[in-house]
Amino acid sequence: MRAVTFQAPGKVRVEERPEPSVQDPEDAVVRVETTGICGSDLHIFHGRVKIEPGFTLGHEFVGTVVETGAAVTEVAVGDRVLGCFCTACGRCFFCRHGDFHKCDHGRVFGHGKTLGNLQGAQAELVLVPHANLTLRRVPEGMPDEVALFAGDVMGTGYHAIVDAGLVAGETVCVVGLGPVGLCAVQAAQACGAAHVFAVDRVRDRLALAERLGARPIDLEREDPREPVRAATDGRGADVVVEAVGHPDALELAIRLARKAGRISGIGVYAERVQVHMGLVWIKALSLRTGFANVVGHLDRVIALLQSGKLDPRPLVTHRLSLDEAAEGYAIYDRREALKVVLKP
């Protein structure tokens, strides 16, 4: 089969790889029909997140089940399914407490040995462990490009909002308008935010955030604290989503939050950073971080996508074949794309 493989920082290649087969009774094999290039794939592409040369990339996929193990009961051969970016066993301490993203046996697709040695989904076929939890049937009539978002990007944006405990009527500020940040904008509105501010430097992304109903703030043109404070009687945002994964963005999030506010840090970090703990402490802020509990949110996100309250279609800017993956990564790296969809 053909698969997109990491070669070195700045270099990916489509290569022939052995076809996967069921190894465990809870496994399934999915023929991938739609996959995507994600911001976390770009961290690997840059060498910031380390994986082994030759490893298959990708963790977003929609496709058809072609093989199942004997213990797979929730999906069957021939089902059209979407996958989560990570797996969960459903039985360990963390899964029993609903923290599926911290499963003792969890693995992340396409992220090398460090995160479970599970080959990625930018390929013609993908092996899916713990298929009963990792996969869901795609609702009838839902396009692949919508379903694709449920298992990672929209699930992560939704997690950023609900994990911060948003209460209807509160003010949200999203820092960073990549696909996850823009999904957080939509999720905040779906969850009843009174005001949603969207902060970035890229004008096209700011324009899209405005079309989605947010108040855009261009960091090149204004201090974001001023309009946020003006809308909240000087307090600041109740919830700030940091969707960049950079110390400067985290610092800004801390300053935008009101006293006793909440920060949802869903940007990817792979290194030490300095945090202004004096501000965090004196403002009594709550900080939630880490990758999203997509498995735990999956059914609600699918329902919201099905209802149209969440709609990721405006985020898809490029559609390429799997053989064009190297160009897709280059386009994304140049910030010329929001979401690149690949078709094997």
C-alpha atoms as a PDB file:
ATOM      1  CA  MET A   1       0.000   0.000   0.000  1.00  0.00           C
ATOM      2  CA  ARG A   2       1.013   3.639  -0.395  1.00  0.00           C
ATOM      3  CA  ALA A   3       1.714   5.667   2.754  1.00  0.00           C
ATOM      4  CA  VAL A   4       3.077   9.126   3.612  1.00  0.00           C
ATOM      5  CA  THR A   5       6.262   8.682   5.637  1.00  0.00           C
ATOM      6  CA  PHE A   6       8.461  11.038   7.623  1.00  0.00           C
ATOM      7  CA  GLN A   7      12.036  11.140   6.300  1.00  0.00           C
ATOM      8  CA  ALA A   8      13.694  14.100   8.027  1.00  0.00           C
ATOM      9  CA  PRO A   9      12.680  17.571   9.191  1.00  0.00           C
ATOM     10  CA  GLY A  10      11.101  19.272   6.194  1.00  0.00           C
ATOM     11  CA  LYS A  11      10.838  16.076   4.153  1.00  0.00           C
ATOM     12  CA  VAL A  12       8.029  13.551   3.726  1.00  0.00           C
ATOM     13  CA  ARG A  13       7.644  10.935   1.015  1.00  0.00           C
ATOM     14  CA  VAL A  14       5.008   8.546  -0.318  1.00  0.00           C
ATOM     15  CA  GLU A  15       6.345   5.005  -0.104  1.00  0.00           C
ATOM     16  CA  GLU A  16       5.138   1.438  -0.390  1.00  0.00           C
ATOM     17  CA  ARG A  17       4.440  -0.161   2.982  1.00  0.00           C
ATOM     18  CA  PRO A  18       3.128  -3.603   3.976  1.00  0.00           C
ATOM     19  CA  GLU A  19      -0.654  -3.794   4.313  1.00  0.00           C
ATOM     20  CA  PRO A  20      -1.786  -4.069   7.949  1.00  0.00           C
ATOM     21  CA  SER A  21      -3.851  -6.977   9.231  1.00  0.00           C
ATOM     22  CA  VAL A  22      -5.715  -7.721  12.450  1.00  0.00           C
ATOM     23  CA  GLN A  23      -3.279  -8.659  15.241  1.00  0.00           C
ATOM     24  CA  ASP A  24      -5.618  -8.582  18.246  1.00  0.00           C
ATOM     25  CA  PRO A  25      -9.303  -9.496  18.713  1.00  0.00           C
ATOM     26  CA  GLU A  26     -10.111  -5.807  19.321  1.00  0.00           C
ATOM     27  CA  ASP A  27      -8.392  -4.614  16.113  1.00  0.00           C
ATOM     28  CA  ALA A  28      -9.977  -3.444  12.883  1.00  0.00           C
ATOM     29  CA  VAL A  29      -8.466  -2.498   9.544  1.00  0.00           C
ATOM     30  CA  VAL A  30      -9.935   0.496   7.714  1.00  0.00           C
ATOM     31  CA  ARG A  31      -9.506   1.362   4.047  1.00  0.00           C
ATOM     32  CA  VAL A  32      -8.827   5.102   4.240  1.00  0.00           C
ATOM     33  CA  GLU A  33     -10.916   7.241   1.896  1.00  0.00           C
ATOM     34  CA  THR A  34     -10.206  10.673   3.407  1.00  0.00           C
ATOM     35  CA  THR A  35      -7.374  11.799   5.671  1.00  0.00           C
ATOM     36  CA  GLY A  36      -5.919  15.151   6.640  1.00  0.00           C
ATOM     37  CA  ILE A  37      -2.763  17.063   7.460  1.00  0.00           C
ATOM     38  CA  CYS A  38      -2.974  18.492  10.977  1.00  0.00           C
ATOM     39  CA  GLY A  39      -1.035  21.112  12.920  1.00  0.00           C
ATOM     40  CA  SER A  40       0.522  18.396  15.060  1.00  0.00           C
ATOM     41  CA  ASP A  41       1.744  16.705  11.861  1.00  0.00           C
ATOM     42  CA  LEU A  42       3.479  19.990  11.127  1.00  0.00           C
ATOM     43  CA  HIS A  43       5.287  19.817  14.479  1.00  0.00           C
ATOM     44  CA  ILE A  44       6.673  16.453  13.351  1.00  0.00           C
ATOM     45  CA  PHE A  45       7.500  17.903   9.921  1.00  0.00           C
ATOM     46  CA  HIS A  46       9.520  20.659  11.614  1.00  0.00           C
ATOM     47  CA  GLY A  47      11.370  18.177  13.833  1.00  0.00           C
ATOM     48  CA  ARG A  48       9.894  19.664  17.000  1.00  0.00           C
ATOM     49  CA  VAL A  49       8.148  16.368  17.819  1.00  0.00           C
ATOM     50  CA  LYS A  50      10.585  13.520  17.254  1.00  0.00           C
ATOM     51  CA  ILE A  51       9.666  10.351  15.391  1.00  0.00           C
ATOM     52  CA  GLU A  52      11.608   7.710  13.525  1.00  0.00           C
ATOM     53  CA  PRO A  53      12.460   8.107   9.796  1.00  0.00           C
ATOM     54  CA  GLY A  54      10.142   5.981   7.682  1.00  0.00           C
ATOM     55  CA  PHE A  55       7.208   6.165  10.127  1.00  0.00           C
ATOM     56  CA  THR A  56       3.779   6.616   8.534  1.00  0.00           C
ATOM     57  CA  LEU A  57       2.206   9.965   9.403  1.00  0.00           C
ATOM     58  CA  GLY A  58      -1.353  11.083  10.044  1.00  0.00           C
ATOM     59  CA  HIS A  59      -4.051  10.604  12.667  1.00  0.00           C
ATOM     60  CA  GLU A  60      -7.278  11.752  10.996  1.00  0.00           C
ATOM     61  CA  PHE A  61      -9.286   9.369   8.849  1.00  0.00           C
ATOM     62  CA  VAL A  62     -12.629   8.382   7.400  1.00  0.00           C
ATOM     63  CA  GLY A  63     -13.036   5.132   5.513  1.00  0.00           C
ATOM     64  CA  THR A  64     -14.581   1.686   5.282  1.00  0.00           C
ATOM     65  CA  VAL A  65     -13.947  -1.256   7.608  1.00  0.00           C
ATOM     66  CA  VAL A  66     -12.379  -4.154   5.679  1.00  0.00           C
ATOM     67  CA  GLU A  67     -11.411  -6.500   8.530  1.00  0.00           C
ATOM     68  CA  THR A  68     -12.292  -6.919  12.217  1.00  0.00           C
ATOM     69  CA  GLY A  69     -11.114  -9.011  15.124  1.00  0.00           C
ATOM     70  CA  ALA A  70     -13.460 -11.394  16.911  1.00  0.00           C
ATOM     71  CA  ALA A  71     -14.078  -8.956  19.822  1.00  0.00           C
ATOM     72  CA  VAL A  72     -15.107  -6.004  17.637  1.00  0.00           C
ATOM     73  CA  THR A  73     -18.859  -5.561  18.060  1.00  0.00           C
ATOM     74  CA  GLU A  74     -19.561  -1.846  17.489  1.00  0.00           C
ATOM     75  CA  VAL A  75     -18.573  -1.755  13.803  1.00  0.00           C
ATOM     76  CA  ALA A  76     -18.546  -4.366  11.064  1.00  0.00           C
ATOM     77  CA  VAL A  77     -16.924  -5.007   7.713  1.00  0.00           C
ATOM     78  CA  GLY A  78     -18.449  -2.633   5.172  1.00  0.00           C
ATOM     79  CA  ASP A  79     -19.295   0.119   7.674  1.00  0.00           C
ATOM     80  CA  ARG A  80     -18.307   3.671   6.833  1.00  0.00           C
ATOM     81  CA  VAL A  81     -16.445   4.946   9.893  1.00  0.00           C
ATOM     82  CA  LEU A  82     -14.449   7.821  11.323  1.00  0.00           C
ATOM     83  CA  GLY A  83     -11.522   7.393  13.671  1.00  0.00           C
ATOM     84  CA  CYS A  84     -10.215   9.223  16.723  1.00  0.00           C
ATOM     85  CA  PHE A  85      -6.623  10.431  16.710  1.00  0.00           C
ATOM     86  CA  CYS A  86      -5.827   8.198  19.684  1.00  0.00           C
ATOM     87  CA  THR A  87      -6.992   4.842  20.999  1.00  0.00           C
ATOM     88  CA  ALA A  88      -8.359   3.900  24.417  1.00  0.00           C
ATOM     89  CA  CYS A  89      -8.896   0.506  26.015  1.00  0.00           C
ATOM     90  CA  GLY A  90     -12.035   1.368  27.994  1.00  0.00           C
ATOM     91  CA  ARG A  91     -10.950  -0.711  30.996  1.00  0.00           C
ATOM     92  CA  CYS A  92      -8.016   0.953  32.779  1.00  0.00           C
ATOM     93  CA  PHE A  93      -8.301   3.359  35.742  1.00  0.00           C
ATOM     94  CA  PHE A  94      -8.324   6.441  33.508  1.00  0.00           C
ATOM     95  CA  CYS A  95     -10.866   5.100  31.026  1.00  0.00           C
ATOM     96  CA  ARG A  96     -13.180   4.094  33.870  1.00  0.00           C
ATOM     97  CA  HIS A  97     -12.999   7.721  35.053  1.00  0.00           C
ATOM     98  CA  GLY A  98     -13.789   9.007  31.570  1.00  0.00           C
ATOM     99  CA  ASP A  99     -10.247  10.267  30.886  1.00  0.00           C
ATOM    100  CA  PHE A 100      -9.868   8.271  27.686  1.00  0.00           C
ATOM    101  CA  HIS A 101      -7.075  10.544  26.438  1.00  0.00           C
ATOM    102  CA  LYS A 102      -4.926   9.365  29.366  1.00  0.00           C
ATOM    103  CA  CYS A 103      -5.596   5.641  28.864  1.00  0.00           C
ATOM    104  CA  ASP A 104      -2.775   3.476  30.217  1.00  0.00           C
ATOM    105  CA  HIS A 105      -2.812   1.564  26.943  1.00  0.00           C
ATOM    106  CA  GLY A 106      -3.634   4.491  24.647  1.00  0.00           C
ATOM    107  CA  ARG A 107      -1.700   5.068  21.450  1.00  0.00           C
ATOM    108  CA  VAL A 108      -1.632   8.008  19.040  1.00  0.00           C
ATOM    109  CA  PHE A 109      -1.679   7.362  15.303  1.00  0.00           C
ATOM    110  CA  GLY A 110       1.365   8.527  13.351  1.00  0.00           C
ATOM    111  CA  HIS A 111       3.516   9.783  16.231  1.00  0.00           C
ATOM    112  CA  GLY A 112       6.270   7.184  16.513  1.00  0.00           C
ATOM    113  CA  LYS A 113       7.459   5.011  19.354  1.00  0.00           C
ATOM    114  CA  THR A 114       7.077   7.699  22.018  1.00  0.00           C
ATOM    115  CA  LEU A 115       3.283   7.723  21.649  1.00  0.00           C
ATOM    116  CA  GLY A 116       2.639   4.046  21.103  1.00  0.00           C
ATOM    117  CA  ASN A 117       4.357   3.023  17.875  1.00  0.00           C
ATOM    118  CA  LEU A 118       1.087   3.088  15.931  1.00  0.00           C
ATOM    119  CA  GLN A 119       1.472   3.689  12.198  1.00  0.00           C
ATOM    120  CA  GLY A 120      -0.467   6.635  10.843  1.00  0.00           C
ATOM    121  CA  ALA A 121      -3.545   7.130   8.688  1.00  0.00           C
ATOM    122  CA  GLN A 122      -2.074   9.024   5.729  1.00  0.00           C
ATOM    123  CA  ALA A 123      -2.140   5.728   3.889  1.00  0.00           C
ATOM    124  CA  GLU A 124      -4.431   3.460   1.916  1.00  0.00           C
ATOM    125  CA  LEU A 125      -5.069   1.244   4.959  1.00  0.00           C
ATOM    126  CA  VAL A 126      -4.762   1.780   8.718  1.00  0.00           C
ATOM    127  CA  LEU A 127      -4.733  -0.681  11.619  1.00  0.00           C
ATOM    128  CA  VAL A 128      -7.072   0.475  14.411  1.00  0.00           C
ATOM    129  CA  PRO A 129      -6.595  -0.989  17.921  1.00  0.00           C
ATOM    130  CA  HIS A 130      -9.499  -0.996  20.405  1.00  0.00           C
ATOM    131  CA  ALA A 131     -11.837  -0.422  17.487  1.00  0.00           C
ATOM    132  CA  ASN A 132     -15.010  -0.463  19.617  1.00  0.00           C
ATOM    133  CA  LEU A 133     -13.991   2.881  21.166  1.00  0.00           C
ATOM    134  CA  THR A 134     -11.689   4.321  18.503  1.00  0.00           C
ATOM    135  CA  LEU A 135     -14.171   4.082  15.606  1.00  0.00           C
ATOM    136  CA  ARG A 136     -17.709   5.381  15.077  1.00  0.00           C
ATOM    137  CA  ARG A 137     -20.100   4.814  12.218  1.00  0.00           C
ATOM    138  CA  VAL A 138     -20.509   7.948  10.106  1.00  0.00           C
ATOM    139  CA  PRO A 139     -24.125   9.171  10.093  1.00  0.00           C
ATOM    140  CA  GLU A 140     -25.960   8.735   6.814  1.00  0.00           C
ATOM    141  CA  GLY A 141     -25.455  11.737   4.562  1.00  0.00           C
ATOM    142  CA  MET A 142     -22.553  13.280   6.472  1.00  0.00           C
ATOM    143  CA  PRO A 143     -19.744  14.198   4.039  1.00  0.00           C
ATOM    144  CA  ASP A 144     -16.284  12.750   4.608  1.00  0.00           C
ATOM    145  CA  GLU A 145     -14.833  16.237   5.058  1.00  0.00           C
ATOM    146  CA  VAL A 146     -17.219  16.912   7.941  1.00  0.00           C
ATOM    147  CA  ALA A 147     -16.822  13.515   9.619  1.00  0.00           C
ATOM    148  CA  LEU A 148     -13.032  13.845   9.415  1.00  0.00           C
ATOM    149  CA  PHE A 149     -13.075  16.679  11.948  1.00  0.00           C
ATOM    150  CA  ALA A 150     -14.925  14.765  14.671  1.00  0.00           C
ATOM    151  CA  GLY A 151     -12.006  12.533  15.631  1.00  0.00           C
ATOM    152  CA  ASP A 152      -9.474  15.309  16.142  1.00  0.00           C
ATOM    153  CA  VAL A 153      -9.745  18.965  15.170  1.00  0.00           C
ATOM    154  CA  MET A 154     -13.374  19.726  15.996  1.00  0.00           C
ATOM    155  CA  GLY A 155     -13.193  17.335  18.934  1.00  0.00           C
ATOM    156  CA  THR A 156     -10.192  19.263  20.213  1.00  0.00           C
ATOM    157  CA  GLY A 157     -11.851  22.652  19.730  1.00  0.00           C
ATOM    158  CA  TYR A 158     -14.940  21.396  21.548  1.00  0.00           C
ATOM    159  CA  HIS A 159     -12.794  19.935  24.348  1.00  0.00           C
ATOM    160  CA  ALA A 160     -11.080  23.303  24.790  1.00  0.00           C
ATOM    161  CA  ILE A 161     -14.418  24.902  25.582  1.00  0.00           C
ATOM    162  CA  VAL A 162     -16.120  22.265  27.718  1.00  0.00           C
ATOM    163  CA  ASP A 163     -12.941  21.375  29.626  1.00  0.00           C
ATOM    164  CA  ALA A 164     -12.718  25.035  30.646  1.00  0.00           C
ATOM    165  CA  GLY A 165     -16.222  24.828  32.080  1.00  0.00           C
ATOM    166  CA  LEU A 166     -17.800  27.474  29.875  1.00  0.00           C
ATOM    167  CA  VAL A 167     -21.120  28.729  31.230  1.00  0.00           C
ATOM    168  CA  ALA A 168     -23.649  30.157  28.784  1.00  0.00           C
ATOM    169  CA  GLY A 169     -23.358  33.942  28.682  1.00  0.00           C
ATOM    170  CA  GLU A 170     -19.627  34.066  29.376  1.00  0.00           C
ATOM    171  CA  THR A 171     -16.937  35.666  27.231  1.00  0.00           C
ATOM    172  CA  VAL A 172     -14.391  33.552  25.350  1.00  0.00           C
ATOM    173  CA  CYS A 173     -11.165  34.655  23.708  1.00  0.00           C
ATOM    174  CA  VAL A 174      -9.393  32.284  21.294  1.00  0.00           C
ATOM    175  CA  VAL A 175      -5.692  32.958  20.681  1.00  0.00           C
ATOM    176  CA  GLY A 176      -4.510  31.362  17.437  1.00  0.00           C
ATOM    177  CA  LEU A 177      -6.808  30.742  14.468  1.00  0.00           C
ATOM    178  CA  GLY A 178      -5.525  27.580  12.938  1.00  0.00           C
ATOM    179  CA  PRO A 179      -8.150  24.864  12.374  1.00  0.00           C
ATOM    180  CA  VAL A 180      -8.330  23.986  16.087  1.00  0.00           C
ATOM    181  CA  GLY A 181      -8.719  27.618  17.126  1.00  0.00           C
ATOM    182  CA  LEU A 182     -11.437  28.204  14.539  1.00  0.00           C
ATOM    183  CA  CYS A 183     -13.218  25.062  15.715  1.00  0.00           C
ATOM    184  CA  ALA A 184     -12.995  26.412  19.276  1.00  0.00           C
ATOM    185  CA  VAL A 185     -14.663  29.613  18.022  1.00  0.00           C
ATOM    186  CA  GLN A 186     -17.568  27.550  16.693  1.00  0.00           C
ATOM    187  CA  ALA A 187     -17.742  25.390  19.821  1.00  0.00           C
ATOM    188  CA  ALA A 188     -17.844  28.456  22.074  1.00  0.00           C
ATOM    189  CA  GLN A 189     -20.832  29.794  20.187  1.00  0.00           C
ATOM    190  CA  ALA A 190     -22.557  26.405  20.174  1.00  0.00           C
ATOM    191  CA  CYS A 191     -22.088  26.242  23.958  1.00  0.00           C
ATOM    192  CA  GLY A 192     -23.687  29.643  24.523  1.00  0.00           C
ATOM    193  CA  ALA A 193     -20.848  32.187  24.802  1.00  0.00           C
ATOM    194  CA  ALA A 194     -22.122  35.762  24.790  1.00  0.00           C
ATOM    195  CA  HIS A 195     -18.969  37.157  23.193  1.00  0.00           C
ATOM    196  CA  VAL A 196     -16.245  35.324  21.249  1.00  0.00           C
ATOM    197  CA  PHE A 197     -13.011  37.142  20.410  1.00  0.00           C
ATOM    198  CA  ALA A 198     -10.571  35.658  17.895  1.00  0.00           C
ATOM    199  CA  VAL A 199      -6.907  36.713  17.964  1.00  0.00           C
ATOM    200  CA  ASP A 200      -4.313  36.170  15.229  1.00  0.00           C
ATOM    201  CA  ARG A 201      -2.000  37.924  12.779  1.00  0.00           C
ATOM    202  CA  VAL A 202      -3.133  36.198   9.559  1.00  0.00           C
ATOM    203  CA  ARG A 203      -5.806  38.303   7.875  1.00  0.00           C
ATOM    204  CA  ASP A 204      -7.523  35.466   6.011  1.00  0.00           C
ATOM    205  CA  ARG A 205      -7.973  33.554   9.262  1.00  0.00           C
ATOM    206  CA  LEU A 206      -9.276  36.652  11.026  1.00  0.00           C
ATOM    207  CA  ALA A 207     -11.758  37.197   8.195  1.00  0.00           C
ATOM    208  CA  LEU A 208     -12.994  33.612   8.481  1.00  0.00           C
ATOM    209  CA  ALA A 209     -13.377  33.967  12.254  1.00  0.00           C
ATOM    210  CA  GLU A 210     -15.514  37.052  11.652  1.00  0.00           C
ATOM    211  CA  ARG A 211     -17.675  35.131   9.168  1.00  0.00           C
ATOM    212  CA  LEU A 212     -18.101  32.473  11.853  1.00  0.00           C
ATOM    213  CA  GLY A 213     -19.462  35.132  14.214  1.00  0.00           C
ATOM    214  CA  ALA A 214     -16.416  36.103  16.294  1.00  0.00           C
ATOM    215  CA  ARG A 215     -15.009  39.559  16.856  1.00  0.00           C
ATOM    216  CA  PRO A 216     -11.569  39.412  15.134  1.00  0.00           C
ATOM    217  CA  ILE A 217      -8.516  41.039  16.718  1.00  0.00           C
ATOM    218  CA  ASP A 218      -5.448  41.575  14.558  1.00  0.00           C
ATOM    219  CA  LEU A 219      -2.368  41.483  16.787  1.00  0.00           C
ATOM    220  CA  GLU A 220      -0.542  43.678  14.279  1.00  0.00           C
ATOM    221  CA  ARG A 221      -3.096  46.465  14.669  1.00  0.00           C
ATOM    222  CA  GLU A 222      -4.495  46.502  18.203  1.00  0.00           C
ATOM    223  CA  ASP A 223      -3.885  45.404  21.748  1.00  0.00           C
ATOM    224  CA  PRO A 224      -6.379  42.569  22.276  1.00  0.00           C
ATOM    225  CA  ARG A 225      -6.813  43.430  25.941  1.00  0.00           C
ATOM    226  CA  GLU A 226      -8.653  46.652  25.120  1.00  0.00           C
ATOM    227  CA  PRO A 227     -11.667  45.272  23.204  1.00  0.00           C
ATOM    228  CA  VAL A 228     -11.931  42.267  25.558  1.00  0.00           C
ATOM    229  CA  ARG A 229     -11.986  44.513  28.606  1.00  0.00           C
ATOM    230  CA  ALA A 230     -14.409  46.915  26.924  1.00  0.00           C
ATOM    231  CA  ALA A 231     -16.898  44.069  26.443  1.00  0.00           C
ATOM    232  CA  THR A 232     -16.570  42.812  30.018  1.00  0.00           C
ATOM    233  CA  ASP A 233     -16.663  45.976  32.151  1.00  0.00           C
ATOM    234  CA  GLY A 234     -12.883  45.842  32.440  1.00  0.00           C
ATOM    235  CA  ARG A 235     -12.687  42.277  33.790  1.00  0.00           C
ATOM    236  CA  GLY A 236     -11.231  40.283  30.896  1.00  0.00           C
ATOM    237  CA  ALA A 237     -12.336  37.014  29.349  1.00  0.00           C
ATOM    238  CA  ASP A 238     -13.921  34.270  31.430  1.00  0.00           C
ATOM    239  CA  VAL A 239     -12.272  31.616  29.240  1.00  0.00           C
ATOM    240  CA  VAL A 240      -9.166  31.972  27.075  1.00  0.00           C
ATOM    241  CA  VAL A 241      -8.219  29.233  24.621  1.00  0.00           C
ATOM    242  CA  GLU A 242      -4.508  29.115  23.783  1.00  0.00           C
ATOM    243  CA  ALA A 243      -4.420  27.261  20.451  1.00  0.00           C
ATOM    244  CA  VAL A 244      -0.861  28.069  19.359  1.00  0.00           C
ATOM    245  CA  GLY A 245       1.564  26.196  21.576  1.00  0.00           C
ATOM    246  CA  HIS A 246       4.033  29.062  22.018  1.00  0.00           C
ATOM    247  CA  PRO A 247       5.172  30.872  25.197  1.00  0.00           C
ATOM    248  CA  ASP A 248       4.137  34.257  23.819  1.00  0.00           C
ATOM    249  CA  ALA A 249       0.619  33.008  23.178  1.00  0.00           C
ATOM    250  CA  LEU A 250       0.412  31.552  26.675  1.00  0.00           C
ATOM    251  CA  GLU A 251       1.613  34.834  28.164  1.00  0.00           C
ATOM    252  CA  LEU A 252      -1.066  36.698  26.202  1.00  0.00           C
ATOM    253  CA  ALA A 253      -3.727  34.240  27.355  1.00  0.00           C
ATOM    254  CA  ILE A 254      -2.753  34.837  30.981  1.00  0.00           C
ATOM    255  CA  ARG A 255      -3.100  38.589  30.499  1.00  0.00           C
ATOM    256  CA  LEU A 256      -6.438  38.330  28.662  1.00  0.00           C
ATOM    257  CA  ALA A 257      -8.101  36.203  31.349  1.00  0.00           C
ATOM    258  CA  ARG A 258     -10.119  37.828  34.102  1.00  0.00           C
ATOM    259  CA  LYS A 259      -9.355  37.240  37.754  1.00  0.00           C
ATOM    260  CA  ALA A 260     -10.357  33.653  38.647  1.00  0.00           C
ATOM    261  CA  GLY A 261     -10.670  32.963  34.919  1.00  0.00           C
ATOM    262  CA  ARG A 262      -9.847  29.768  33.075  1.00  0.00           C
ATOM    263  CA  ILE A 263      -7.220  29.092  30.423  1.00  0.00           C
ATOM    264  CA  SER A 264      -7.512  26.099  28.110  1.00  0.00           C
ATOM    265  CA  GLY A 265      -4.070  25.377  26.698  1.00  0.00           C
ATOM    266  CA  ILE A 266      -4.578  23.075  23.725  1.00  0.00           C
ATOM    267  CA  GLY A 267      -1.589  24.258  21.699  1.00  0.00           C
ATOM    268  CA  VAL A 268       1.085  21.563  21.453  1.00  0.00           C
ATOM    269  CA  TYR A 269       4.150  21.866  23.690  1.00  0.00           C
ATOM    270  CA  ALA A 270       7.182  19.596  23.455  1.00  0.00           C
ATOM    271  CA  GLU A 271       9.721  21.579  25.459  1.00  0.00           C
ATOM    272  CA  ARG A 272      10.200  23.645  28.625  1.00  0.00           C
ATOM    273  CA  VAL A 273       8.683  27.124  28.625  1.00  0.00           C
ATOM    274  CA  GLN A 274       8.638  29.978  31.080  1.00  0.00           C
ATOM    275  CA  VAL A 275       5.266  30.843  32.600  1.00  0.00           C
ATOM    276  CA  HIS A 276       4.568  34.063  34.484  1.00  0.00           C
ATOM    277  CA  MET A 277       3.405  32.270  37.634  1.00  0.00           C
ATOM    278  CA  GLY A 278       3.183  35.570  39.475  1.00  0.00           C
ATOM    279  CA  LEU A 279       0.299  36.615  37.224  1.00  0.00           C
ATOM    280  CA  VAL A 280      -1.261  33.168  37.288  1.00  0.00           C
ATOM    281  CA  TRP A 281      -1.113  33.176  41.079  1.00  0.00           C
ATOM    282  CA  ILE A 282      -2.240  36.725  41.758  1.00  0.00           C
ATOM    283  CA  LYS A 283      -5.157  36.380  39.320  1.00  0.00           C
ATOM    284  CA  ALA A 284      -6.064  32.925  40.731  1.00  0.00           C
ATOM    285  CA  LEU A 285      -6.240  31.444  37.235  1.00  0.00           C
ATOM    286  CA  SER A 286      -7.057  27.846  36.399  1.00  0.00           C
ATOM    287  CA  LEU A 287      -4.963  26.291  33.621  1.00  0.00           C
ATOM    288  CA  ARG A 288      -6.020  23.104  31.813  1.00  0.00           C
ATOM    289  CA  THR A 289      -3.652  21.602  29.261  1.00  0.00           C
ATOM    290  CA  GLY A 290      -2.904  18.509  27.219  1.00  0.00           C
ATOM    291  CA  PHE A 291      -4.357  16.881  24.165  1.00  0.00           C
ATOM    292  CA  ALA A 292      -8.089  16.507  23.992  1.00  0.00           C
ATOM    293  CA  ASN A 293     -10.400  13.807  25.329  1.00  0.00           C
ATOM    294  CA  VAL A 294     -11.811  13.290  21.854  1.00  0.00           C
ATOM    295  CA  VAL A 295     -13.099   9.779  22.588  1.00  0.00           C
ATOM    296  CA  GLY A 296     -15.101  11.134  25.529  1.00  0.00           C
ATOM    297  CA  HIS A 297     -16.650  13.936  23.475  1.00  0.00           C
ATOM    298  CA  LEU A 298     -17.078  12.033  20.225  1.00  0.00           C
ATOM    299  CA  ASP A 299     -20.798  11.274  20.238  1.00  0.00           C
ATOM    300  CA  ARG A 300     -21.729  14.839  21.246  1.00  0.00           C
ATOM    301  CA  VAL A 301     -19.462  16.310  18.576  1.00  0.00           C
ATOM    302  CA  ILE A 302     -20.921  14.037  15.913  1.00  0.00           C
ATOM    303  CA  ALA A 303     -24.436  15.100  16.957  1.00  0.00           C
ATOM    304  CA  LEU A 304     -23.498  18.787  16.770  1.00  0.00           C
ATOM    305  CA  LEU A 305     -21.937  18.261  13.334  1.00  0.00           C
ATOM    306  CA  GLN A 306     -25.036  16.408  12.189  1.00  0.00           C
ATOM    307  CA  SER A 307     -27.276  19.255  13.418  1.00  0.00           C
ATOM    308  CA  GLY A 308     -25.162  21.894  11.665  1.00  0.00           C
ATOM    309  CA  LYS A 309     -24.368  23.746  14.903  1.00  0.00           C
ATOM    310  CA  LEU A 310     -20.755  22.900  14.177  1.00  0.00           C
ATOM    311  CA  ASP A 311     -19.650  23.137  10.534  1.00  0.00           C
ATOM    312  CA  PRO A 312     -15.977  22.652   9.620  1.00  0.00           C
ATOM    313  CA  ARG A 313     -16.443  22.845   5.858  1.00  0.00           C
ATOM    314  CA  PRO A 314     -15.283  26.484   5.557  1.00  0.00           C
ATOM    315  CA  LEU A 315     -11.926  25.400   7.018  1.00  0.00           C
ATOM    316  CA  VAL A 316     -11.071  23.009   4.173  1.00  0.00           C
ATOM    317  CA  THR A 317      -8.968  24.991   1.722  1.00  0.00           C
ATOM    318  CA  HIS A 318      -7.035  22.309  -0.200  1.00  0.00           C
ATOM    319  CA  ARG A 319      -7.952  18.863  -1.527  1.00  0.00           C
ATOM    320  CA  LEU A 320      -5.067  16.773  -2.821  1.00  0.00           C
ATOM    321  CA  SER A 321      -4.315  13.170  -3.685  1.00  0.00           C
ATOM    322  CA  LEU A 322      -2.176  11.094  -1.350  1.00  0.00           C
ATOM    323  CA  ASP A 323       0.620  11.264  -3.920  1.00  0.00           C
ATOM    324  CA  GLU A 324       0.609  15.068  -3.531  1.00  0.00           C
ATOM    325  CA  ALA A 325       1.189  14.887   0.240  1.00  0.00           C
ATOM    326  CA  ALA A 326       4.642  16.501   0.097  1.00  0.00           C
ATOM    327  CA  GLU A 327       3.132  19.537  -1.622  1.00  0.00           C
ATOM    328  CA  GLY A 328       0.321  19.543   0.948  1.00  0.00           C
ATOM    329  CA  TYR A 329       2.830  19.742   3.789  1.00  0.00           C
ATOM    330  CA  ALA A 330       4.715  22.537   2.017  1.00  0.00           C
ATOM    331  CA  ILE A 331       1.510  24.539   1.463  1.00  0.00           C
ATOM    332  CA  TYR A 332       0.520  24.116   5.093  1.00  0.00           C
ATOM    333  CA  ASP A 333       4.000  25.045   6.276  1.00  0.00           C
ATOM    334  CA  ARG A 334       3.819  28.294   4.280  1.00  0.00           C
ATOM    335  CA  ARG A 335       0.475  29.121   5.993  1.00  0.00           C
ATOM    336  CA  GLU A 336      -1.249  29.122   2.633  1.00  0.00           C
ATOM    337  CA  ALA A 337      -3.778  26.544   3.830  1.00  0.00           C
ATOM    338  CA  LEU A 338      -6.078  26.072   6.768  1.00  0.00           C
ATOM    339  CA  LYS A 339      -6.962  22.409   6.279  1.00  0.00           C
ATOM    340  CA  VAL A 340      -5.427  20.103   3.698  1.00  0.00           C
ATOM    341  CA  VAL A 341      -7.476  16.989   2.918  1.00  0.00           C
ATOM    342  CA  LEU A 342      -5.809  14.029   1.219  1.00  0.00           C
ATOM    343  CA  LYS A 343      -7.576  11.352  -0.804  1.00  0.00           C
ATOM    344  CA  PRO A 344      -5.724   8.009  -1.104  1.00  0.00           C
END
